[in-house]
PDB file of N, CA and C in Angstrom:
ATOM      1  N   MET A   1    -151.585-170.656 128.246  1.00  0.00           N
ATOM      2  CA  MET A   1    -152.990-170.911 128.535  1.00  0.00           C
ATOM      3  C   MET A   1    -153.188-171.004 130.039  1.00  0.00           C
ATOM      4  N   SER A   2    -154.174-170.330 130.540  1.00  0.00           N
ATOM      5  CA  SER A   2    -154.469-170.321 131.967  1.00  0.00           C
ATOM      6  C   SER A   2    -155.098-171.645 132.395  1.00  0.00           C
ATOM      7  N   ARG A   3    -154.683-172.137 133.538  1.00  0.00           N
ATOM      8  CA  ARG A   3    -155.199-173.406 134.053  1.00  0.00           C
ATOM      9  C   ARG A   3    -156.499-173.219 134.832  1.00  0.00           C
ATOM     10  N   ILE A   4    -156.816-171.957 135.154  1.00  0.00           N
ATOM     11  CA  ILE A   4    -158.042-171.641 135.888  1.00  0.00           C
ATOM     12  C   ILE A   4    -158.628-170.362 135.294  1.00  0.00           C
ATOM     13  N   SER A   5    -159.928-170.333 135.174  1.00  0.00           N
ATOM     14  CA  SER A   5    -160.571-169.173 134.557  1.00  0.00           C
ATOM     15  C   SER A   5    -161.101-168.223 135.626  1.00  0.00           C
ATOM     16  N   THR A   6    -161.358-166.999 135.190  1.00  0.00           N
ATOM     17  CA  THR A   6    -161.923-166.001 136.097  1.00  0.00           C
ATOM     18  C   THR A   6    -163.296-166.451 136.574  1.00  0.00           C
ATOM     19  N   ASP A   7    -164.049-167.101 135.697  1.00  0.00           N
ATOM     20  CA  ASP A   7    -165.370-167.603 136.095  1.00  0.00           C
ATOM     21  C   ASP A   7    -165.247-168.654 137.198  1.00  0.00           C
ATOM     22  N   GLN A   8    -164.227-169.514 137.122  1.00  0.00           N
ATOM     23  CA  GLN A   8    -164.022-170.512 138.168  1.00  0.00           C
ATOM     24  C   GLN A   8    -163.657-169.846 139.487  1.00  0.00           C
ATOM     25  N   VAL A   9    -162.837-168.805 139.428  1.00  0.00           N
ATOM     26  CA  VAL A   9    -162.463-168.063 140.637  1.00  0.00           C
ATOM     27  C   VAL A   9    -163.707-167.426 141.254  1.00  0.00           C
ATOM     28  N   LYS A  10    -164.544-166.821 140.435  1.00  0.00           N
ATOM     29  CA  LYS A  10    -165.781-166.212 140.933  1.00  0.00           C
ATOM     30  C   LYS A  10    -166.706-167.263 141.538  1.00  0.00           C
ATOM     31  N   HIS A  11    -166.763-168.435 140.921  1.00  0.00           N
ATOM     32  CA  HIS A  11    -167.612-169.513 141.429  1.00  0.00           C
ATOM     33  C   HIS A  11    -167.129-169.973 142.809  1.00  0.00           C
ATOM     34  N   VAL A  12    -165.826-170.168 142.952  1.00  0.00           N
ATOM     35  CA  VAL A  12    -165.268-170.590 144.244  1.00  0.00           C
ATOM     36  C   VAL A  12    -165.482-169.500 145.297  1.00  0.00           C
ATOM     37  N   ALA A  13    -165.310-168.248 144.912  1.00  0.00           N
ATOM     38  CA  ALA A  13    -165.551-167.146 145.842  1.00  0.00           C
ATOM     39  C   ALA A  13    -167.005-167.142 146.291  1.00  0.00           C
ATOM     40  N   ASN A  14    -167.906-167.398 145.378  1.00  0.00           N
ATOM     41  CA  ASN A  14    -169.328-167.457 145.711  1.00  0.00           C
ATOM     42  C   ASN A  14    -169.603-168.610 146.675  1.00  0.00           C
ATOM     43  N   LEU A  15    -169.000-169.761 146.432  1.00  0.00           N
ATOM     44  CA  LEU A  15    -169.184-170.909 147.328  1.00  0.00           C
ATOM     45  C   LEU A  15    -168.663-170.598 148.730  1.00  0.00           C
ATOM     46  N   ALA A  16    -167.589-169.820 148.804  1.00  0.00           N
ATOM     47  CA  ALA A  16    -166.994-169.442 150.088  1.00  0.00           C
ATOM     48  C   ALA A  16    -167.680-168.213 150.672  1.00  0.00           C
ATOM     49  N   ARG A  17    -168.709-167.727 150.018  1.00  0.00           N
ATOM     50  CA  ARG A  17    -169.442-166.541 150.454  1.00  0.00           C
ATOM     51  C   ARG A  17    -168.539-165.314 150.563  1.00  0.00           C
ATOM     52  N   LEU A  18    -167.666-165.175 149.567  1.00  0.00           N
ATOM     53  CA  LEU A  18    -166.768-164.026 149.499  1.00  0.00           C
ATOM     54  C   LEU A  18    -167.215-163.114 148.378  1.00  0.00           C
ATOM     55  N   ALA A  19    -167.318-161.836 148.674  1.00  0.00           N
ATOM     56  CA  ALA A  19    -167.663-160.846 147.648  1.00  0.00           C
ATOM     57  C   ALA A  19    -166.357-160.308 147.079  1.00  0.00           C
ATOM     58  N   ILE A  20    -166.120-160.559 145.796  1.00  0.00           N
ATOM     59  CA  ILE A  20    -164.902-160.048 145.166  1.00  0.00           C
ATOM     60  C   ILE A  20    -165.272-159.216 143.949  1.00  0.00           C
ATOM     61  N   THR A  21    -164.426-158.248 143.662  1.00  0.00           N
ATOM     62  CA  THR A  21    -164.644-157.387 142.497  1.00  0.00           C
ATOM     63  C   THR A  21    -164.033-158.049 141.269  1.00  0.00           C
ATOM     64  N   GLU A  22    -164.307-157.454 140.109  1.00  0.00           N
ATOM     65  CA  GLU A  22    -163.730-157.955 138.852  1.00  0.00           C
ATOM     66  C   GLU A  22    -162.202-157.895 138.908  1.00  0.00           C
ATOM     67  N   GLU A  23    -161.682-156.787 139.462  1.00  0.00           N
ATOM     68  CA  GLU A  23    -160.225-156.626 139.549  1.00  0.00           C
ATOM     69  C   GLU A  23    -159.615-157.695 140.458  1.00  0.00           C
ATOM     70  N   GLU A  24    -160.274-157.955 141.587  1.00  0.00           N
ATOM     71  CA  GLU A  24    -159.784-158.994 142.507  1.00  0.00           C
ATOM     72  C   GLU A  24    -159.837-160.365 141.851  1.00  0.00           C
ATOM     73  N   ALA A  25    -160.895-160.625 141.096  1.00  0.00           N
ATOM     74  CA  ALA A  25    -161.025-161.911 140.402  1.00  0.00           C
ATOM     75  C   ALA A  25    -159.873-162.103 139.422  1.00  0.00           C
ATOM     76  N   GLU A  26    -159.497-161.043 138.710  1.00  0.00           N
ATOM     77  CA  GLU A  26    -158.372-161.117 137.768  1.00  0.00           C
ATOM     78  C   GLU A  26    -157.056-161.393 138.508  1.00  0.00           C
ATOM     79  N   ILE A  27    -156.852-160.693 139.626  1.00  0.00           N
ATOM     80  CA  ILE A  27    -155.629-160.882 140.412  1.00  0.00           C
ATOM     81  C   ILE A  27    -155.562-162.305 140.950  1.00  0.00           C
ATOM     82  N   PHE A  28    -156.686-162.775 141.524  1.00  0.00           N
ATOM     83  CA  PHE A  28    -156.715-164.129 142.097  1.00  0.00           C
ATOM     84  C   PHE A  28    -156.526-165.194 141.017  1.00  0.00           C
ATOM     85  N   THR A  29    -157.042-164.928 139.825  1.00  0.00           N
ATOM     86  CA  THR A  29    -156.869-165.873 138.720  1.00  0.00           C
ATOM     87  C   THR A  29    -155.392-166.038 138.393  1.00  0.00           C
ATOM     88  N   LYS A  30    -154.675-164.929 138.314  1.00  0.00           N
ATOM     89  CA  LYS A  30    -153.232-164.991 138.028  1.00  0.00           C
ATOM     90  C   LYS A  30    -152.475-165.687 139.153  1.00  0.00           C
ATOM     91  N   GLN A  31    -152.817-165.360 140.400  1.00  0.00           N
ATOM     92  CA  GLN A  31    -152.133-165.964 141.544  1.00  0.00           C
ATOM     93  C   GLN A  31    -152.391-167.473 141.623  1.00  0.00           C
ATOM     94  N   LEU A  32    -153.635-167.872 141.443  1.00  0.00           N
ATOM     95  CA  LEU A  32    -153.970-169.303 141.492  1.00  0.00           C
ATOM     96  C   LEU A  32    -153.339-170.058 140.331  1.00  0.00           C
ATOM     97  N   ASP A  33    -153.274-169.425 139.168  1.00  0.00           N
ATOM     98  CA  ASP A  33    -152.621-170.050 138.024  1.00  0.00           C
ATOM     99  C   ASP A  33    -151.145-170.298 138.320  1.00  0.00           C
ATOM    100  N   ALA A  34    -150.496-169.351 138.992  1.00  0.00           N
ATOM    101  CA  ALA A  34    -149.086-169.517 139.357  1.00  0.00           C
ATOM    102  C   ALA A  34    -148.922-170.672 140.350  1.00  0.00           C
ATOM    103  N   MET A  35    -149.851-170.794 141.294  1.00  0.00           N
ATOM    104  CA  MET A  35    -149.798-171.896 142.265  1.00  0.00           C
ATOM    105  C   MET A  35    -149.980-173.247 141.582  1.00  0.00           C
ATOM    106  N   ILE A  36    -150.921-173.318 140.661  1.00  0.00           N
ATOM    107  CA  ILE A  36    -151.165-174.560 139.926  1.00  0.00           C
ATOM    108  C   ILE A  36    -149.941-174.921 139.091  1.00  0.00           C
ATOM    109  N   SER A  37    -149.322-173.922 138.481  1.00  0.00           N
ATOM    110  CA  SER A  37    -148.112-174.150 137.692  1.00  0.00           C
ATOM    111  C   SER A  37    -147.000-174.723 138.564  1.00  0.00           C
ATOM    112  N   PHE A  38    -146.834-174.190 139.775  1.00  0.00           N
ATOM    113  CA  PHE A  38    -145.816-174.696 140.687  1.00  0.00           C
ATOM    114  C   PHE A  38    -146.123-176.138 141.082  1.00  0.00           C
ATOM    115  N   ALA A  39    -147.387-176.453 141.361  1.00  0.00           N
ATOM    116  CA  ALA A  39    -147.773-177.816 141.727  1.00  0.00           C
ATOM    117  C   ALA A  39    -147.497-178.776 140.578  1.00  0.00           C
ATOM    118  N   GLU A  40    -147.712-178.326 139.353  1.00  0.00           N
ATOM    119  CA  GLU A  40    -147.420-179.167 138.193  1.00  0.00           C
ATOM    120  C   GLU A  40    -145.923-179.438 138.079  1.00  0.00           C
ATOM    121  N   GLN A  41    -145.092-178.466 138.428  1.00  0.00           N
ATOM    122  CA  GLN A  41    -143.640-178.673 138.419  1.00  0.00           C
ATOM    123  C   GLN A  41    -143.255-179.751 139.429  1.00  0.00           C
ATOM    124  N   LEU A  42    -143.896-179.747 140.580  1.00  0.00           N
ATOM    125  CA  LEU A  42    -143.613-180.764 141.602  1.00  0.00           C
ATOM    126  C   LEU A  42    -143.974-182.160 141.103  1.00  0.00           C
ATOM    127  N   ASN A  43    -145.027-182.256 140.310  1.00  0.00           N
ATOM    128  CA  ASN A  43    -145.441-183.556 139.765  1.00  0.00           C
ATOM    129  C   ASN A  43    -144.410-184.128 138.799  1.00  0.00           C
ATOM    130  N   GLU A  44    -143.536-183.279 138.249  1.00  0.00           N
ATOM    131  CA  GLU A  44    -142.523-183.740 137.306  1.00  0.00           C
ATOM    132  C   GLU A  44    -141.316-184.367 137.996  1.00  0.00           C
ATOM    133  N   LEU A  45    -141.195-184.187 139.313  1.00  0.00           N
ATOM    134  CA  LEU A  45    -140.055-184.743 140.046  1.00  0.00           C
ATOM    135  C   LEU A  45    -140.119-186.263 140.104  1.00  0.00           C
ATOM    136  N   ASP A  46    -138.950-186.892 140.010  1.00  0.00           N
ATOM    137  CA  ASP A  46    -138.871-188.340 140.122  1.00  0.00           C
ATOM    138  C   ASP A  46    -138.794-188.711 141.601  1.00  0.00           C
ATOM    139  N   THR A  47    -139.848-189.305 142.102  1.00  0.00           N
ATOM    140  CA  THR A  47    -139.897-189.694 143.514  1.00  0.00           C
ATOM    141  C   THR A  47    -139.933-191.215 143.675  1.00  0.00           C
ATOM    142  N   GLU A  48    -139.470-191.912 142.666  1.00  0.00           N
ATOM    143  CA  GLU A  48    -139.536-193.380 142.653  1.00  0.00           C
ATOM    144  C   GLU A  48    -138.823-194.010 143.852  1.00  0.00           C
ATOM    145  N   ASN A  49    -137.621-193.560 144.170  1.00  0.00           N
ATOM    146  CA  ASN A  49    -136.847-194.183 145.244  1.00  0.00           C
ATOM    147  C   ASN A  49    -136.880-193.382 146.547  1.00  0.00           C
ATOM    148  N   ILE A  50    -137.880-192.546 146.701  1.00  0.00           N
ATOM    149  CA  ILE A  50    -138.013-191.738 147.918  1.00  0.00           C
ATOM    150  C   ILE A  50    -138.952-192.472 148.884  1.00  0.00           C
ATOM    151  N   GLU A  51    -138.467-192.680 150.099  1.00  0.00           N
ATOM    152  CA  GLU A  51    -139.269-193.368 151.108  1.00  0.00           C
ATOM    153  C   GLU A  51    -140.377-192.436 151.605  1.00  0.00           C
ATOM    154  N   PRO A  52    -141.606-192.935 151.690  1.00  0.00           N
ATOM    155  CA  PRO A  52    -142.708-192.094 152.170  1.00  0.00           C
ATOM    156  C   PRO A  52    -142.483-191.668 153.622  1.00  0.00           C
ATOM    157  N   THR A  53    -142.886-190.449 153.938  1.00  0.00           N
ATOM    158  CA  THR A  53    -142.778-189.953 155.301  1.00  0.00           C
ATOM    159  C   THR A  53    -144.095-189.290 155.685  1.00  0.00           C
ATOM    160  N   SER A  54    -144.338-189.209 156.976  1.00  0.00           N
ATOM    161  CA  SER A  54    -145.528-188.502 157.438  1.00  0.00           C
ATOM    162  C   SER A  54    -145.195-187.056 157.757  1.00  0.00           C
ATOM    163  N   HIS A  55    -143.895-186.769 157.935  1.00  0.00           N
ATOM    164  CA  HIS A  55    -143.461-185.416 158.242  1.00  0.00           C
ATOM    165  C   HIS A  55    -142.025-185.255 157.757  1.00  0.00           C
ATOM    166  N   VAL A  56    -141.682-184.088 157.270  1.00  0.00           N
ATOM    167  CA  VAL A  56    -140.343-183.891 156.729  1.00  0.00           C
ATOM    168  C   VAL A  56    -139.276-183.848 157.808  1.00  0.00           C
ATOM    169  N   LEU A  57    -139.668-183.540 159.036  1.00  0.00           N
ATOM    170  CA  LEU A  57    -138.721-183.512 160.139  1.00  0.00           C
ATOM    171  C   LEU A  57    -138.883-184.774 160.981  1.00  0.00           C
ATOM    172  N   ASN A  58    -137.798-185.202 161.615  1.00  0.00           N
ATOM    173  CA  ASN A  58    -137.862-186.362 162.487  1.00  0.00           C
ATOM    174  C   ASN A  58    -138.546-185.946 163.785  1.00  0.00           C
ATOM    175  N   MET A  59    -139.834-186.228 163.886  1.00  0.00           N
ATOM    176  CA  MET A  59    -140.615-185.809 165.042  1.00  0.00           C
ATOM    177  C   MET A  59    -140.764-186.969 166.021  1.00  0.00           C
ATOM    178  N   LYS A  60    -140.806-186.635 167.306  1.00  0.00           N
ATOM    179  CA  LYS A  60    -141.091-187.646 168.309  1.00  0.00           C
ATOM    180  C   LYS A  60    -142.050-187.050 169.317  1.00  0.00           C
ATOM    181  N   ASN A  61    -142.743-187.899 170.020  1.00  0.00           N
ATOM    182  CA  ASN A  61    -143.702-187.449 171.005  1.00  0.00           C
ATOM    183  C   ASN A  61    -142.954-186.862 172.197  1.00  0.00           C
ATOM    184  N   VAL A  62    -143.204-185.613 172.506  1.00  0.00           N
ATOM    185  CA  VAL A  62    -142.518-184.963 173.614  1.00  0.00           C
ATOM    186  C   VAL A  62    -143.408-184.884 174.853  1.00  0.00           C
ATOM    187  N   MET A  63    -144.543-185.543 174.803  1.00  0.00           N
ATOM    188  CA  MET A  63    -145.455-185.528 175.936  1.00  0.00           C
ATOM    189  C   MET A  63    -144.961-186.490 177.012  1.00  0.00           C
ATOM    190  N   ARG A  64    -145.244-186.167 178.259  1.00  0.00           N
ATOM    191  CA  ARG A  64    -144.864-187.041 179.357  1.00  0.00           C
ATOM    192  C   ARG A  64    -145.807-188.245 179.403  1.00  0.00           C
ATOM    193  N   GLU A  65    -145.395-189.275 180.092  1.00  0.00           N
ATOM    194  CA  GLU A  65    -146.255-190.431 180.288  1.00  0.00           C
ATOM    195  C   GLU A  65    -147.476-190.004 181.103  1.00  0.00           C
ATOM    196  N   ASP A  66    -148.615-190.577 180.807  1.00  0.00           N
ATOM    197  CA  ASP A  66    -149.843-190.266 181.524  1.00  0.00           C
ATOM    198  C   ASP A  66    -149.917-191.170 182.758  1.00  0.00           C
ATOM    199  N   ILE A  67    -149.361-190.665 183.854  1.00  0.00           N
ATOM    200  CA  ILE A  67    -149.302-191.436 185.090  1.00  0.00           C
ATOM    201  C   ILE A  67    -150.274-190.817 186.086  1.00  0.00           C
ATOM    202  N   PRO A  68    -151.192-191.619 186.635  1.00  0.00           N
ATOM    203  CA  PRO A  68    -152.135-191.066 187.615  1.00  0.00           C
ATOM    204  C   PRO A  68    -151.397-190.546 188.850  1.00  0.00           C
ATOM    205  N   GLN A  69    -151.815-189.396 189.311  1.00  0.00           N
ATOM    206  CA  GLN A  69    -151.227-188.812 190.512  1.00  0.00           C
ATOM    207  C   GLN A  69    -152.337-188.341 191.437  1.00  0.00           C
ATOM    208  N   LYS A  70    -152.036-188.267 192.695  1.00  0.00           N
ATOM    209  CA  LYS A  70    -153.011-187.797 193.663  1.00  0.00           C
ATOM    210  C   LYS A  70    -153.296-186.327 193.395  1.00  0.00           C
ATOM    211  N   GLY A  71    -154.584-185.962 193.357  1.00  0.00           N
ATOM    212  CA  GLY A  71    -154.982-184.589 193.114  1.00  0.00           C
ATOM    213  C   GLY A  71    -154.981-183.765 194.391  1.00  0.00           C
ATOM    214  N   LEU A  72    -155.425-182.525 194.247  1.00  0.00           N
ATOM    215  CA  LEU A  72    -155.513-181.640 195.399  1.00  0.00           C
ATOM    216  C   LEU A  72    -156.643-182.085 196.321  1.00  0.00           C
ATOM    217  N   PRO A  73    -156.504-181.818 197.623  1.00  0.00           N
ATOM    218  CA  PRO A  73    -157.617-182.113 198.527  1.00  0.00           C
ATOM    219  C   PRO A  73    -158.816-181.220 198.201  1.00  0.00           C
ATOM    220  N   GLN A  74    -160.006-181.736 198.449  1.00  0.00           N
ATOM    221  CA  GLN A  74    -161.231-181.018 198.112  1.00  0.00           C
ATOM    222  C   GLN A  74    -161.271-179.641 198.775  1.00  0.00           C
ATOM    223  N   SER A  75    -160.827-179.536 200.006  1.00  0.00           N
ATOM    224  CA  SER A  75    -160.856-178.253 200.708  1.00  0.00           C
ATOM    225  C   SER A  75    -159.965-177.224 200.009  1.00  0.00           C
ATOM    226  N   GLU A  76    -158.840-177.685 199.481  1.00  0.00           N
ATOM    227  CA  GLU A  76    -157.913-176.799 198.773  1.00  0.00           C
ATOM    228  C   GLU A  76    -158.532-176.304 197.461  1.00  0.00           C
ATOM    229  N   VAL A  77    -159.217-177.188 196.769  1.00  0.00           N
ATOM    230  CA  VAL A  77    -159.847-176.827 195.496  1.00  0.00           C
ATOM    231  C   VAL A  77    -160.977-175.826 195.723  1.00  0.00           C
ATOM    232  N   LEU A  78    -161.768-176.044 196.754  1.00  0.00           N
ATOM    233  CA  LEU A  78    -162.943-175.203 196.988  1.00  0.00           C
ATOM    234  C   LEU A  78    -162.618-173.876 197.662  1.00  0.00           C
ATOM    235  N   LYS A  79    -161.401-173.676 198.150  1.00  0.00           N
ATOM    236  CA  LYS A  79    -161.108-172.442 198.878  1.00  0.00           C
ATOM    237  C   LYS A  79    -161.159-171.209 197.980  1.00  0.00           C
ATOM    238  N   ASN A  80    -160.962-171.352 196.663  1.00  0.00           N
ATOM    239  CA  ASN A  80    -161.041-170.210 195.749  1.00  0.00           C
ATOM    240  C   ASN A  80    -162.398-170.084 195.068  1.00  0.00           C
ATOM    241  N   ALA A  81    -163.292-171.038 195.318  1.00  0.00           N
ATOM    242  CA  ALA A  81    -164.626-170.971 194.713  1.00  0.00           C
ATOM    243  C   ALA A  81    -165.432-169.888 195.417  1.00  0.00           C
ATOM    244  N   PRO A  82    -166.108-169.004 194.674  1.00  0.00           N
ATOM    245  CA  PRO A  82    -166.891-167.945 195.304  1.00  0.00           C
ATOM    246  C   PRO A  82    -168.014-168.507 196.188  1.00  0.00           C
ATOM    247  N   ASP A  83    -168.585-169.640 195.779  1.00  0.00           N
ATOM    248  CA  ASP A  83    -169.663-170.252 196.558  1.00  0.00           C
ATOM    249  C   ASP A  83    -169.599-171.759 196.354  1.00  0.00           C
ATOM    250  N   HIS A  84    -169.775-172.512 197.414  1.00  0.00           N
ATOM    251  CA  HIS A  84    -169.781-173.970 197.295  1.00  0.00           C
ATOM    252  C   HIS A  84    -170.721-174.571 198.326  1.00  0.00           C
ATOM    253  N   GLN A  85    -171.178-175.773 198.024  1.00  0.00           N
ATOM    254  CA  GLN A  85    -172.123-176.457 198.907  1.00  0.00           C
ATOM    255  C   GLN A  85    -171.937-177.952 198.736  1.00  0.00           C
ATOM    256  N   ASP A  86    -171.872-178.671 199.823  1.00  0.00           N
ATOM    257  CA  ASP A  86    -171.732-180.127 199.841  1.00  0.00           C
ATOM    258  C   ASP A  86    -170.546-180.600 198.995  1.00  0.00           C
ATOM    259  N   GLY A  87    -169.439-179.882 199.040  1.00  0.00           N
ATOM    260  CA  GLY A  87    -168.234-180.295 198.334  1.00  0.00           C
ATOM    261  C   GLY A  87    -168.232-180.003 196.843  1.00  0.00           C
ATOM    262  N   GLN A  88    -169.180-179.201 196.371  1.00  0.00           N
ATOM    263  CA  GLN A  88    -169.247-178.869 194.951  1.00  0.00           C
ATOM    264  C   GLN A  88    -169.315-177.355 194.775  1.00  0.00           C
ATOM    265  N   VAL A  89    -168.801-176.878 193.641  1.00  0.00           N
ATOM    266  CA  VAL A  89    -168.863-175.454 193.336  1.00  0.00           C
ATOM    267  C   VAL A  89    -170.304-175.115 192.983  1.00  0.00           C
ATOM    268  N   LYS A  90    -170.823-174.057 193.608  1.00  0.00           N
ATOM    269  CA  LYS A  90    -172.199-173.639 193.359  1.00  0.00           C
ATOM    270  C   LYS A  90    -172.193-172.469 192.388  1.00  0.00           C
ATOM    271  N   VAL A  91    -172.973-172.601 191.315  1.00  0.00           N
ATOM    272  CA  VAL A  91    -173.044-171.553 190.292  1.00  0.00           C
ATOM    273  C   VAL A  91    -174.498-171.128 190.110  1.00  0.00           C
ATOM    274  N   PRO A  92    -174.712-169.911 189.587  1.00  0.00           N
ATOM    275  CA  PRO A  92    -176.092-169.469 189.363  1.00  0.00           C
ATOM    276  C   PRO A  92    -176.762-170.331 188.291  1.00  0.00           C
ATOM    277  N   SER A  93    -178.057-170.533 188.453  1.00  0.00           N
ATOM    278  CA  SER A  93    -178.823-171.286 187.472  1.00  0.00           C
ATOM    279  C   SER A  93    -178.988-170.464 186.197  1.00  0.00           C
ATOM    280  N   ILE A  94    -178.816-171.118 185.046  1.00  0.00           N
ATOM    281  CA  ILE A  94    -178.995-170.398 183.770  1.00  0.00           C
ATOM    282  C   ILE A  94    -180.248-170.863 183.043  1.00  0.00           C
ATOM    283  N   ILE A  95    -180.869-171.906 183.550  1.00  0.00           N
ATOM    284  CA  ILE A  95    -182.098-172.426 182.935  1.00  0.00           C
ATOM    285  C   ILE A  95    -183.268-172.083 183.856  1.00  0.00           C
ATOM    286  N   GLU A  96    -184.292-171.490 183.285  1.00  0.00           N
ATOM    287  CA  GLU A  96    -185.442-171.110 184.099  1.00  0.00           C
ATOM    288  C   GLU A  96    -186.399-172.251 184.245  1.00  0.00           C
TER     289      GLU A  96
END
């Protein structure tokens, strides 16, 4: 017995604004049924003594410490700006 119907597949496709043919709906129904079957197999596993994890790999933060540092001098920053005025980059107005 199929765990998902072709009508349900068509309904989900419609919600996602996807145009699918009858043949595609049949294919997707079989594929989704196989996925649901696999998920049901996972539910049969005994996980009673398994410690919860947030990730299967031992992950650690590899980012550097956020330490304030002196930035570039204003003259250095503005030297590549096509146009600047009063220490700020000047750009064309986009609002009339």
